[in-house]
Amino acid sequence: MPNDETRRGYPLPHPENIAVEDVVRIRKAIEKIDEDMSERENELKSNFKRFRFETFLNFWK
């Protein structure tokens, strides 16, 4: 079974794999993508909150 991955380490399906193997690989990829997006979402939210607060402080100067 070929073990192809993206640069971020997400497993990719491959034409030589049987469907059962690829279903597991696709599921793992979706789970990893979801984890990465959740981490990034929380980071962006905290950055946005900080930016709004800093903008508010500058507004009153």
C-alpha atoms as a PDB file:
ATOM      1  CA  MET A   1       0.000   0.000   0.000  1.00  0.00           C
ATOM      2  CA  PRO A   2       1.562   3.337  -1.034  1.00  0.00           C
ATOM      3  CA  ASN A   3       1.817   5.770   1.865  1.00  0.00           C
ATOM      4  CA  ASP A   4       1.358   9.162   0.208  1.00  0.00           C
ATOM      5  CA  GLU A   5       0.976  12.260   2.381  1.00  0.00           C
ATOM      6  CA  THR A   6       0.590  15.979   1.857  1.00  0.00           C
ATOM      7  CA  ARG A   7       3.248  18.429   3.043  1.00  0.00           C
ATOM      8  CA  ARG A   8       1.227  18.853   6.250  1.00  0.00           C
ATOM      9  CA  GLY A   9       1.200  15.099   6.850  1.00  0.00           C
ATOM     10  CA  TYR A  10      -2.385  14.386   5.824  1.00  0.00           C
ATOM     11  CA  PRO A  11      -2.728  10.858   4.411  1.00  0.00           C
ATOM     12  CA  LEU A  12      -3.815  10.740   0.778  1.00  0.00           C
ATOM     13  CA  PRO A  13      -5.787   8.047  -1.043  1.00  0.00           C
ATOM     14  CA  HIS A  14      -3.970   6.203  -3.820  1.00  0.00           C
ATOM     15  CA  PRO A  15      -5.309   4.341  -6.874  1.00  0.00           C
ATOM     16  CA  GLU A  16      -3.391   1.175  -5.916  1.00  0.00           C
ATOM     17  CA  ASN A  17      -5.031   0.989  -2.469  1.00  0.00           C
ATOM     18  CA  ILE A  18      -8.191  -0.971  -1.865  1.00  0.00           C
ATOM     19  CA  ALA A  19     -11.200   1.142  -0.865  1.00  0.00           C
ATOM     20  CA  VAL A  20     -11.236  -0.083   2.737  1.00  0.00           C
ATOM     21  CA  GLU A  21      -7.667   1.154   3.277  1.00  0.00           C
ATOM     22  CA  ASP A  22      -8.391   4.510   1.691  1.00  0.00           C
ATOM     23  CA  VAL A  23     -11.539   5.055   3.772  1.00  0.00           C
ATOM     24  CA  VAL A  24      -9.415   4.837   6.912  1.00  0.00           C
ATOM     25  CA  ARG A  25      -6.784   7.176   5.416  1.00  0.00           C
ATOM     26  CA  ILE A  26      -9.425   9.706   4.328  1.00  0.00           C
ATOM     27  CA  ARG A  27     -11.021   9.615   7.786  1.00  0.00           C
ATOM     28  CA  LYS A  28      -7.634  10.260   9.434  1.00  0.00           C
ATOM     29  CA  ALA A  29      -6.990  13.132   7.028  1.00  0.00           C
ATOM     30  CA  ILE A  30     -10.353  14.730   7.807  1.00  0.00           C
ATOM     31  CA  GLU A  31      -9.727  14.376  11.551  1.00  0.00           C
ATOM     32  CA  LYS A  32      -6.268  16.000  11.238  1.00  0.00           C
ATOM     33  CA  ILE A  33      -7.641  18.825   9.089  1.00  0.00           C
ATOM     34  CA  ASP A  34     -10.398  19.422  11.630  1.00  0.00           C
ATOM     35  CA  GLU A  35      -7.840  19.585  14.464  1.00  0.00           C
ATOM     36  CA  ASP A  36      -5.669  22.017  12.506  1.00  0.00           C
ATOM     37  CA  MET A  37      -8.631  24.227  11.615  1.00  0.00           C
ATOM     38  CA  SER A  38      -9.887  24.249  15.225  1.00  0.00           C
ATOM     39  CA  GLU A  39      -6.452  25.294  16.499  1.00  0.00           C
ATOM     40  CA  ARG A  40      -6.209  28.002  13.854  1.00  0.00           C
ATOM     41  CA  GLU A  41      -9.750  29.224  14.564  1.00  0.00           C
ATOM     42  CA  ASN A  42      -8.985  29.673  18.273  1.00  0.00           C
ATOM     43  CA  GLU A  43      -5.751  31.479  17.447  1.00  0.00           C
ATOM     44  CA  LEU A  44      -7.528  33.829  15.038  1.00  0.00           C
ATOM     45  CA  LYS A  45     -10.290  34.545  17.559  1.00  0.00           C
ATOM     46  CA  SER A  46      -7.808  35.498  20.269  1.00  0.00           C
ATOM     47  CA  ASN A  47      -5.843  37.676  17.827  1.00  0.00           C
ATOM     48  CA  PHE A  48      -9.047  39.398  16.729  1.00  0.00           C
ATOM     49  CA  LYS A  49     -10.104  40.081  20.323  1.00  0.00           C
ATOM     50  CA  ARG A  50      -6.685  41.548  21.089  1.00  0.00           C
ATOM     51  CA  PHE A  51      -6.800  43.656  17.913  1.00  0.00           C
ATOM     52  CA  ARG A  52     -10.257  45.011  18.779  1.00  0.00           C
ATOM     53  CA  PHE A  53      -9.075  45.938  22.279  1.00  0.00           C
ATOM     54  CA  GLU A  54      -5.927  47.645  20.977  1.00  0.00           C
ATOM     55  CA  THR A  55      -7.986  49.533  18.385  1.00  0.00           C
ATOM     56  CA  PHE A  56     -10.347  50.641  21.138  1.00  0.00           C
ATOM     57  CA  LEU A  57      -7.427  51.936  23.215  1.00  0.00           C
ATOM     58  CA  ASN A  58      -6.013  53.875  20.272  1.00  0.00           C
ATOM     59  CA  PHE A  59      -9.429  55.350  19.563  1.00  0.00           C
ATOM     60  CA  TRP A  60      -9.478  57.113  22.934  1.00  0.00           C
ATOM     61  CA  LYS A  61      -5.990  58.632  22.705  1.00  0.00           C
END
